[in-house]
Amino acid sequence: MSPGSRIVLLRTEGRGGEAEIELDGARLRVVDGWSAADAPAAPGPVEDGRIEVVANPRQCGPCREDPAPEKGLTPIAGWRYRGEGEITSLDPLRVDLGPFAVVVALAPGEDWAPGDRLTLAIDRIVLSRAKAKAPG
């Protein structure tokens, strides 16, 4: 997620279930890891949220299409997506998907470099609480 990104929770089934969010204007179906364990969160702005993108490494790689598809996400089913984007950093792997950029929980290939186009098979997108910063 880019610094300054805005997340709005639109609806949720509760922790572990499906939620619908708006991330910088894009509507997404995600896994709810943000609600409390005993009660679904109320719709509204998410102040302490983060987005985790979990991709299938066997189905991700450099985009081989010419011309490359537009950056973005295409829904497949539920919280699964096909992503098309541009690598902006390798450690961590950050991909610009057009309307927003995300860190992807995936080890980059040896031949991947910033600026390369990447096709992602996204198994799930998780909305969770941002980790607290250590004091000091």
Protein backbone atom coordinates (compact mmCIF):
# COMPACT_ATOMS: atom_id res chain seq x y z
CA MET A 1 0.00 0.00 0.00
CA SER A 2 1.28 3.44 -0.81
CA PRO A 3 1.82 5.97 1.99
CA GLY A 4 -1.30 8.10 2.24
CA SER A 5 -3.56 5.37 0.84
CA ARG A 6 -7.14 5.47 2.06
CA ILE A 7 -9.05 2.32 3.06
CA VAL A 8 -12.80 2.34 3.68
CA LEU A 9 -14.59 -0.77 4.97
CA LEU A 10 -17.90 -1.12 3.11
CA ARG A 11 -19.14 -4.42 4.56
CA THR A 12 -17.79 -7.53 6.27
CA GLU A 13 -18.83 -11.03 7.32
CA GLY A 14 -16.43 -10.71 10.27
CA ARG A 15 -12.91 -11.87 11.00
CA GLY A 16 -11.79 -14.58 8.56
CA GLY A 17 -14.74 -13.94 6.25
CA GLU A 18 -15.16 -11.86 3.16
CA ALA A 19 -15.09 -8.09 3.36
CA GLU A 20 -15.55 -5.43 0.73
CA ILE A 21 -13.30 -2.40 0.91
CA GLU A 22 -12.46 0.66 -1.11
CA LEU A 23 -8.72 1.23 -1.50
CA ASP A 24 -7.87 4.59 -3.06
CA GLY A 25 -11.19 4.49 -4.95
CA ALA A 26 -10.94 0.84 -6.12
CA ARG A 27 -13.48 -1.65 -4.72
CA LEU A 28 -11.97 -4.96 -3.63
CA ARG A 29 -13.17 -8.18 -2.00
CA VAL A 30 -10.69 -9.18 0.68
CA VAL A 31 -10.23 -11.46 3.68
CA ASP A 32 -11.18 -9.67 6.90
CA GLY A 33 -8.26 -9.93 9.31
CA TRP A 34 -9.06 -6.51 10.76
CA SER A 35 -12.33 -7.06 12.66
CA ALA A 36 -12.20 -8.17 16.27
CA ALA A 37 -12.54 -11.93 16.75
CA ASP A 38 -15.93 -11.61 18.46
CA ALA A 39 -17.69 -8.99 16.29
CA PRO A 40 -17.59 -7.70 12.72
CA ALA A 41 -16.24 -4.15 12.37
CA ALA A 42 -18.64 -1.35 11.48
CA PRO A 43 -18.37 0.13 7.99
CA GLY A 44 -16.30 3.28 7.70
CA PRO A 45 -12.73 4.56 7.33
CA VAL A 46 -9.99 2.15 8.40
CA GLU A 47 -7.36 4.19 10.24
CA ASP A 48 -4.95 1.45 11.32
CA GLY A 49 -5.28 -1.01 8.43
CA ARG A 50 -2.79 -2.56 6.09
CA ILE A 51 -3.17 -4.64 2.96
CA GLU A 52 -1.32 -7.92 2.44
CA VAL A 53 -1.30 -9.44 -1.03
CA VAL A 54 -0.66 -13.19 -1.10
CA ALA A 55 0.22 -14.48 -4.56
CA ASN A 56 0.77 -17.97 -6.00
CA PRO A 57 4.48 -18.06 -6.93
CA ARG A 58 3.97 -20.77 -9.56
CA GLN A 59 1.57 -18.58 -11.50
CA CYS A 60 3.39 -15.24 -11.25
CA GLY A 61 6.10 -13.90 -13.48
CA PRO A 62 7.19 -11.37 -16.04
CA CYS A 63 4.45 -10.26 -18.44
CA ARG A 64 5.11 -11.87 -21.83
CA GLU A 65 2.23 -10.17 -23.67
CA ASP A 66 3.01 -7.49 -26.25
CA PRO A 67 1.69 -4.95 -25.75
CA ALA A 68 1.48 -5.44 -22.00
CA PRO A 69 -2.04 -5.29 -20.52
CA GLU A 70 -3.04 -2.17 -18.60
CA LYS A 71 -2.07 -2.06 -14.94
CA GLY A 72 -4.83 -3.19 -12.60
CA LEU A 73 -6.69 -6.05 -10.98
CA THR A 74 -9.17 -8.37 -12.67
CA PRO A 75 -11.51 -10.27 -10.30
CA ILE A 76 -11.45 -14.04 -10.73
CA ALA A 77 -13.60 -15.31 -7.84
CA GLY A 78 -14.17 -14.08 -4.29
CA TRP A 79 -10.93 -12.50 -3.13
CA ARG A 80 -8.82 -13.99 -5.97
CA TYR A 81 -7.51 -11.66 -8.68
CA ARG A 82 -5.21 -11.48 -11.66
CA GLY A 83 -2.91 -8.50 -11.26
CA GLU A 84 -0.94 -6.65 -13.92
CA GLY A 85 1.62 -4.16 -12.74
CA GLU A 86 5.12 -2.76 -12.74
CA ILE A 87 7.80 -3.67 -10.22
CA THR A 88 8.91 -0.58 -8.29
CA SER A 89 11.18 -2.34 -5.73
CA LEU A 90 12.46 -5.85 -5.02
CA ASP A 91 13.06 -5.87 -1.26
CA PRO A 92 10.24 -5.85 -0.41
CA LEU A 93 8.58 -6.71 -3.71
CA ARG A 94 6.39 -3.67 -4.43
CA VAL A 95 4.18 -3.61 -7.51
CA ASP A 96 2.37 -0.59 -8.95
CA LEU A 97 -1.03 -1.87 -10.05
CA GLY A 98 -2.23 1.45 -11.43
CA PRO A 99 -4.69 2.95 -8.96
CA PHE A 100 -2.47 1.85 -6.05
CA ALA A 101 0.81 0.08 -5.26
CA VAL A 102 1.11 -2.94 -2.96
CA VAL A 103 3.78 -5.02 -1.30
CA VAL A 104 3.41 -8.62 -2.46
CA ALA A 105 4.25 -11.54 -0.16
CA LEU A 106 6.39 -13.22 -2.83
CA ALA A 107 10.12 -13.70 -3.39
CA PRO A 108 11.12 -12.01 -6.66
CA GLY A 109 12.66 -14.05 -9.46
CA GLU A 110 16.41 -13.71 -10.02
CA ASP A 111 15.85 -12.00 -13.36
CA TRP A 112 13.21 -9.51 -12.12
CA ALA A 113 14.12 -5.82 -11.92
CA PRO A 114 12.40 -2.53 -11.10
CA GLY A 115 10.53 -1.35 -14.19
CA ASP A 116 9.66 -4.89 -15.35
CA ARG A 117 6.00 -5.67 -15.96
CA LEU A 118 4.64 -8.47 -13.78
CA THR A 119 1.59 -10.73 -13.95
CA LEU A 120 0.33 -11.87 -10.53
CA ALA A 121 -2.02 -14.71 -9.60
CA ILE A 122 -3.38 -13.30 -6.33
CA ASP A 123 -4.78 -15.98 -4.00
CA ARG A 124 -6.07 -13.46 -1.49
CA ILE A 125 -5.85 -9.91 -0.32
CA VAL A 126 -5.99 -9.52 3.46
CA LEU A 127 -7.06 -6.44 5.38
CA SER A 128 -5.36 -6.53 8.77
CA ARG A 129 -4.28 -4.16 11.51
CA ALA A 130 -1.04 -2.28 11.02
CA LYS A 131 1.71 -3.56 13.27
CA ALA A 132 2.41 -1.33 16.23
CA LYS A 133 5.74 0.43 16.13
CA ALA A 134 8.25 -0.53 18.80
CA PRO A 135 8.82 2.20 21.38
CA GLY A 136 12.00 4.12 21.30
